[in-house]
Protein backbone atom coordinates (compact mmCIF):
# COMPACT_ATOMS: atom_id res chain seq x y z
CA UNK A 1 111.77 159.65 66.12
CA UNK A 2 114.32 157.19 67.36
CA UNK A 3 117.70 157.53 66.03
CA UNK A 4 120.88 155.28 66.00
CA UNK A 5 124.26 156.43 67.64
CA UNK A 6 125.58 157.94 64.53
CA UNK A 7 129.66 157.27 63.92
CA UNK A 8 130.07 159.82 61.10
CA UNK A 9 130.03 163.16 61.21
CA UNK A 10 127.00 164.99 62.18
CA UNK A 11 125.81 166.72 58.70
CA UNK A 12 126.35 162.92 56.97
CA UNK A 13 124.40 161.72 59.76
CA UNK A 14 121.42 163.96 59.17
CA UNK A 15 121.42 163.42 55.69
CA UNK A 16 121.45 159.72 55.98
CA UNK A 17 118.72 159.91 58.34
CA UNK A 18 116.79 161.94 55.93
CA UNK A 19 116.74 159.39 53.65
CA UNK A 20 114.85 156.38 55.70
CA UNK A 21 111.56 156.49 54.59
CA UNK A 22 109.08 156.82 58.06
CA UNK A 23 107.20 153.08 58.41
CA UNK A 24 103.49 153.37 57.49
CA UNK A 25 100.46 151.39 58.60
CA UNK A 26 100.02 149.71 61.92
CA UNK A 27 103.58 148.62 62.49
CA UNK A 28 104.94 152.25 62.14
CA UNK A 29 101.80 153.67 64.78
CA UNK A 30 103.85 150.69 67.03
CA UNK A 31 107.22 151.91 66.23
CA UNK A 32 106.33 155.61 66.77
CA UNK A 33 104.88 155.10 70.13
CA UNK A 34 107.24 153.14 71.32
CA UNK A 35 109.99 155.75 70.27
CA UNK A 36 107.66 158.44 72.22
CA UNK A 37 107.61 156.37 75.24
CA UNK A 38 111.13 156.25 75.25
CA UNK A 39 111.02 151.84 75.14
CA UNK A 40 113.65 149.62 73.52
CA UNK A 41 113.38 149.10 70.35
CA UNK A 42 115.69 149.25 67.26
CA UNK A 43 116.38 152.65 65.50
CA UNK A 44 115.33 153.22 62.27
CA UNK A 45 118.72 152.47 60.60
CA UNK A 46 119.21 149.11 62.28
CA UNK A 47 115.09 148.50 61.00
CA UNK A 48 116.57 149.57 57.20
CA UNK A 49 119.81 147.40 57.70
CA UNK A 50 117.68 144.04 58.85
CA UNK A 51 115.12 144.72 56.27
CA UNK A 52 117.48 144.65 53.53
CA UNK A 53 119.34 141.46 55.07
CA UNK A 54 116.13 139.65 55.73
CA UNK A 55 114.52 140.29 52.33
CA UNK A 56 117.97 138.87 50.94
CA UNK A 57 118.24 135.96 53.30
CA UNK A 58 114.52 135.08 53.24
CA UNK A 59 115.46 132.65 56.37
CA UNK A 60 112.78 130.22 57.16
CA UNK A 61 113.56 130.06 60.84
CA UNK A 62 114.16 132.89 62.89
CA UNK A 63 114.91 133.32 66.20
CA UNK A 64 114.92 136.51 68.28
CA UNK A 65 116.67 136.68 71.87
CA UNK A 66 114.91 140.00 73.33
CA UNK A 67 111.21 140.65 72.46
CA UNK A 68 110.89 143.75 74.22
CA UNK A 69 107.63 145.11 72.90
CA UNK A 70 107.21 143.00 70.08
CA UNK A 71 108.66 145.68 67.23
CA UNK A 72 111.25 143.94 65.91
CA UNK A 73 109.51 140.23 65.96
CA UNK A 74 106.48 142.04 63.97
CA UNK A 75 108.78 143.51 61.56
CA UNK A 76 110.53 140.16 60.58
CA UNK A 77 107.00 138.76 60.07
CA UNK A 78 106.07 141.20 58.19
CA UNK A 79 109.23 141.33 55.83
CA UNK A 80 108.92 137.45 55.50
CA UNK A 81 104.93 137.12 55.34
CA UNK A 82 103.59 133.46 54.67
CA UNK A 83 107.65 132.32 54.69
CA UNK A 84 108.92 132.33 58.41
CA UNK A 85 108.34 130.97 61.75
CA UNK A 86 109.16 133.38 64.27
CA UNK A 87 110.59 132.66 68.07
CA UNK A 88 111.18 135.19 70.37
CA UNK A 89 112.32 135.17 74.09
CA UNK A 90 111.24 137.37 76.69
CA UNK A 91 111.37 137.32 80.35
CA UNK A 92 109.70 140.79 81.58
CA UNK A 93 106.15 140.20 81.93
CA UNK A 94 105.42 144.44 81.19
CA UNK A 95 107.10 143.56 77.74
CA UNK A 96 105.25 140.41 77.09
CA UNK A 97 101.97 141.92 78.33
CA UNK A 98 102.65 144.68 75.50
CA UNK A 99 104.21 142.60 72.69
CA UNK A 100 101.24 140.55 72.94
CA UNK A 101 98.55 143.69 72.57
CA UNK A 102 100.87 144.55 69.70
CA UNK A 103 100.84 141.10 68.00
CA UNK A 104 96.85 141.15 68.48
CA UNK A 105 96.79 144.77 67.09
CA UNK A 106 98.84 143.49 63.98
CA UNK A 107 96.92 140.22 63.37
CA UNK A 108 100.08 138.16 63.99
CA UNK A 109 99.55 136.73 67.08
CA UNK A 110 99.40 132.92 65.98
CA UNK A 111 102.43 133.68 63.96
CA UNK A 112 105.25 134.25 66.80
CA UNK A 113 106.04 131.76 69.50
CA UNK A 114 106.38 134.03 72.35
CA UNK A 115 108.70 132.00 75.14
CA UNK A 116 108.00 134.07 78.22
CA UNK A 117 110.72 132.64 80.54
CA UNK A 118 114.71 133.68 80.85
CA UNK A 119 117.06 133.00 77.93
CA UNK A 120 119.42 131.56 80.34
CA UNK A 121 116.53 128.82 80.49
CA UNK A 122 114.76 129.06 76.98
CA UNK A 123 118.05 128.54 75.31
CA UNK A 124 119.20 125.22 76.69
CA UNK A 125 115.67 123.72 76.30
CA UNK A 126 115.61 125.08 72.69
CA UNK A 127 118.79 123.02 71.68
CA UNK A 128 117.97 120.13 73.71
CA UNK A 129 114.79 119.97 71.72
CA UNK A 130 117.01 120.09 68.58
CA UNK A 131 115.98 123.23 67.33
CA UNK A 132 117.64 125.21 64.63
CA UNK A 133 117.57 128.66 63.26
CA UNK A 134 118.44 130.39 60.02
CA UNK A 135 118.96 133.88 61.76
CA UNK A 136 118.86 134.80 65.37
CA UNK A 137 118.67 138.77 66.49
CA UNK A 138 120.10 139.25 69.59
CA UNK A 139 118.74 142.48 71.80
CA UNK A 140 118.67 141.73 75.26
CA UNK A 141 120.71 142.58 78.50
CA UNK A 142 124.00 143.68 77.07
CA UNK A 143 125.96 142.14 79.85
CA UNK A 144 124.62 138.67 79.01
CA UNK A 145 125.58 138.27 75.33
CA UNK A 146 128.80 136.78 76.25
CA UNK A 147 127.09 134.06 78.17
CA UNK A 148 124.19 133.62 75.43
CA UNK A 149 126.71 133.28 72.28
CA UNK A 150 127.45 129.98 72.79
CA UNK A 151 123.79 128.72 72.50
CA UNK A 152 123.39 130.52 69.33
CA UNK A 153 126.50 129.26 67.78
CA UNK A 154 124.50 125.75 68.72
CA UNK A 155 121.27 126.89 67.44
CA UNK A 156 122.58 128.78 63.81
CA UNK A 157 122.31 126.67 60.81
CA UNK A 158 125.46 126.54 58.70
CA UNK A 159 125.20 129.66 56.36
CA UNK A 160 122.69 131.11 59.21
CA UNK A 161 123.20 134.51 60.25
CA UNK A 162 123.77 136.12 63.90
CA UNK A 163 123.15 139.80 64.46
CA UNK A 164 123.81 141.16 67.77
CA UNK A 165 122.46 144.99 68.47
CA UNK A 166 123.98 147.80 70.74
CA UNK A 167 127.32 146.65 70.71
CA UNK A 168 129.42 149.30 71.00
CA UNK A 169 127.82 150.98 73.73
CA UNK A 170 127.79 154.95 72.72
CA UNK A 171 131.35 154.20 71.71
CA UNK A 172 132.82 153.24 75.90
CA UNK A 173 133.54 149.58 74.80
CA UNK A 174 136.84 151.69 73.65
CA UNK A 175 137.20 152.90 77.07
CA UNK A 176 139.77 151.57 79.63
CA UNK A 177 138.17 149.95 82.33
CA UNK A 178 138.72 152.83 85.25
CA UNK A 179 136.97 155.03 82.86
CA UNK A 180 133.76 153.06 83.34
CA UNK A 181 131.53 153.92 86.28
CA UNK A 182 131.84 151.05 88.78
CA UNK A 183 127.86 149.80 87.99
CA UNK A 184 128.66 149.59 84.68
CA UNK A 185 132.15 147.78 84.60
CA UNK A 186 130.76 144.46 84.10
CA UNK A 187 128.83 145.18 81.13
CA UNK A 188 131.32 146.62 79.64
CA UNK A 189 133.84 143.43 80.60
CA UNK A 190 131.41 141.30 79.08
CA UNK A 191 130.91 143.17 76.20
CA UNK A 192 134.64 143.37 75.49
CA UNK A 193 134.91 139.39 76.00
CA UNK A 194 131.82 138.80 74.13
CA UNK A 195 133.32 141.38 71.07
CA UNK A 196 136.77 139.45 71.18
CA UNK A 197 135.39 135.68 71.22
CA UNK A 198 132.82 136.48 68.38
CA UNK A 199 135.24 138.36 66.00
CA UNK A 200 137.73 135.59 66.70
CA UNK A 201 135.23 132.37 66.44
CA UNK A 202 136.17 129.61 64.40
CA UNK A 203 133.89 128.66 61.31
CA UNK A 204 132.55 132.27 61.11
CA UNK A 205 132.75 135.04 59.41
CA UNK A 206 132.42 138.28 61.24
CA UNK A 207 132.34 142.06 61.25
CA UNK A 208 130.99 144.95 63.21
CA UNK A 209 129.07 147.78 61.93
CA UNK A 210 128.87 151.27 62.84
CA UNK A 211 124.84 151.12 62.13
CA UNK A 212 122.71 152.16 65.21
CA UNK A 213 125.27 151.50 68.37
CA UNK A 214 126.68 148.98 66.70
CA UNK A 215 125.82 145.75 65.01
CA UNK A 216 127.66 142.16 65.07
CA UNK A 217 126.93 140.90 62.22
CA UNK A 218 128.37 136.98 61.74
CA UNK A 219 127.78 134.20 59.18
CA UNK A 220 128.26 130.24 60.51
CA UNK A 221 130.46 129.14 57.41
CA UNK A 222 130.52 125.53 58.79
């Protein structure tokens, strides 16, 4: 089963991981298959955190940037059953195909608006269509967080929540640029710029949580 990076003592991390209940049913099958195949879906500790947050917040309009095989969108649909409209964006045809198969298997195809397009094109369209969301989850190409963040700011309702996954990059965000392999330096620079911008954004209350590979949590105050 997939695990988060773990930023605490290994013994404690193993204990905490052991407290997480396994997901059952068809959604649990989708989760385990993705872990077995090494596909990029959220880790069990992130599942637990998001599930708790969504139950507390009960958003009625959810946007996901980076659908992947559809696990997170399906999780949101299950938690917020009968209460939510979910829009998810994915540009890769292989992931779209897998997501559609999973949505059909789970019987939720009609509950999710799946946009097959690069988020760089889809997000401005959502803004021009005056769409607004109570909860945004971003889990796409890490170097693109910096570019997509301003769109998230505009699309989020007041008191809305933005959660961004994998922001600590196995701890390498704290490394000096010269210690990063050249092909990853753009992602390293963009991630650091994104975190600096998000943590200092006016009108937002934000924190970074050592869950999974790091989560940014931001609440739009005004």
